[in-house]
Amino acid sequence: MIRGFEFEEDGRTFSCKVEARRATPDDAWWWFDVSGDRQRYAPFQAAAADTQKNVKAKIVAFYTNLLEARARPVEPRSHWGRRPKAAEAPAT
């Protein structure tokens, strides 16, 4: 199993490595961080059959989807406890 590597994609540097999550120390996950992004991500578990090529493809797909989701306009939602009051029924 590969342990870690770096690559560049679309002007960003991705640093990837296998680590355990705090909540599940017996499971190995692929963690990565990206230049220009303060967040660190662990999108999928590491497998013995992982190669740089397939891990890179998964990470790029995950990050591309994340950027697309961030770019979408925010949909207004009301909190369940603060639902707007229903209009009163007309008097008959």
Protein backbone atom coordinates (compact mmCIF):
# COMPACT_ATOMS: atom_id res chain seq x y z
CA MET A 1 0.00 0.00 0.00
CA ILE A 2 1.27 3.46 -0.83
CA ARG A 3 1.53 5.80 2.14
CA GLY A 4 1.61 9.29 0.70
CA PHE A 5 2.40 11.51 -2.26
CA GLU A 6 1.93 14.99 -3.70
CA PHE A 7 0.63 16.09 -7.08
CA GLU A 8 -0.45 19.24 -8.88
CA GLU A 9 -3.81 19.73 -10.55
CA ASP A 10 -5.33 22.97 -11.89
CA GLY A 11 -2.63 25.09 -10.25
CA ARG A 12 -3.14 23.54 -6.81
CA THR A 13 -0.81 21.26 -4.88
CA PHE A 14 -2.46 18.27 -3.24
CA SER A 15 -0.63 16.54 -0.37
CA CYS A 16 -2.04 13.09 0.34
CA LYS A 17 -1.26 10.57 3.06
CA VAL A 18 -2.79 7.64 4.86
CA GLU A 19 -3.66 8.18 8.52
CA ALA A 20 -6.11 6.93 11.10
CA ARG A 21 -9.09 9.00 12.12
CA ARG A 22 -9.32 9.91 15.78
CA ALA A 23 -12.73 8.29 16.10
CA THR A 24 -11.68 5.09 14.32
CA PRO A 25 -7.96 4.54 14.99
CA ASP A 26 -7.96 1.03 13.50
CA ASP A 27 -9.13 2.24 10.08
CA ALA A 28 -6.77 3.89 7.60
CA TRP A 29 -8.13 6.81 5.58
CA TRP A 30 -6.75 8.95 2.78
CA TRP A 31 -6.28 12.46 4.13
CA PHE A 32 -5.37 15.35 1.89
CA ASP A 33 -4.91 19.07 1.99
CA VAL A 34 -4.79 21.52 -0.86
CA SER A 35 -2.74 24.65 -1.29
CA GLY A 36 -4.95 27.68 -0.70
CA ASP A 37 -7.52 25.75 1.37
CA ARG A 38 -7.25 25.66 5.15
CA GLN A 39 -9.45 22.57 5.52
CA ARG A 40 -8.09 19.04 5.56
CA TYR A 41 -10.19 16.22 4.09
CA ALA A 42 -10.53 12.44 4.58
CA PRO A 43 -12.95 11.41 1.83
CA PHE A 44 -12.42 7.65 1.66
CA GLN A 45 -10.75 4.67 3.33
CA ALA A 46 -7.37 3.40 2.22
CA ALA A 47 -7.25 0.00 0.55
CA ALA A 48 -4.40 -2.39 -0.16
CA ALA A 49 -5.08 -2.09 -3.91
CA ASP A 50 -4.76 1.72 -3.96
CA THR A 51 -2.41 3.22 -6.52
CA GLN A 52 -1.34 6.82 -6.98
CA LYS A 53 -3.38 6.97 -10.16
CA ASN A 54 -6.70 5.81 -8.68
CA VAL A 55 -6.25 7.77 -5.43
CA LYS A 56 -5.46 10.93 -7.41
CA ALA A 57 -8.58 10.42 -9.56
CA LYS A 58 -10.78 9.99 -6.45
CA ILE A 59 -9.30 13.02 -4.71
CA VAL A 60 -9.62 15.27 -7.76
CA ALA A 61 -13.25 14.15 -8.29
CA PHE A 62 -14.06 14.74 -4.60
CA TYR A 63 -12.48 18.19 -4.54
CA THR A 64 -14.04 19.23 -7.86
CA ASN A 65 -17.50 18.28 -6.55
CA LEU A 66 -16.78 20.15 -3.33
CA LEU A 67 -15.84 23.33 -5.22
CA GLU A 68 -18.96 23.03 -7.37
CA ALA A 69 -21.14 22.67 -4.28
CA ARG A 70 -19.50 25.71 -2.67
CA ALA A 71 -20.12 27.77 -5.82
CA ARG A 72 -23.87 27.06 -5.87
CA PRO A 73 -26.12 29.75 -4.43
CA VAL A 74 -27.31 29.08 -0.92
CA GLU A 75 -30.87 27.80 -0.75
CA PRO A 76 -32.83 29.58 1.96
CA ARG A 77 -34.11 27.21 4.61
CA SER A 78 -35.94 27.91 7.80
CA HIS A 79 -35.12 26.15 11.02
CA TRP A 80 -37.75 23.57 11.97
CA GLY A 81 -38.47 25.43 15.21
CA ARG A 82 -38.97 28.72 13.42
CA ARG A 83 -41.43 27.79 10.74
CA PRO A 84 -43.42 30.69 9.36
CA LYS A 85 -46.90 30.88 10.80
CA ALA A 86 -49.59 29.53 8.54
CA ALA A 87 -51.98 32.07 7.12
CA GLU A 88 -55.23 32.17 9.03
CA ALA A 89 -58.25 30.69 7.32
CA PRO A 90 -60.77 33.27 6.13
CA ALA A 91 -63.76 33.75 8.41
CA THR A 92 -67.05 32.42 7.07
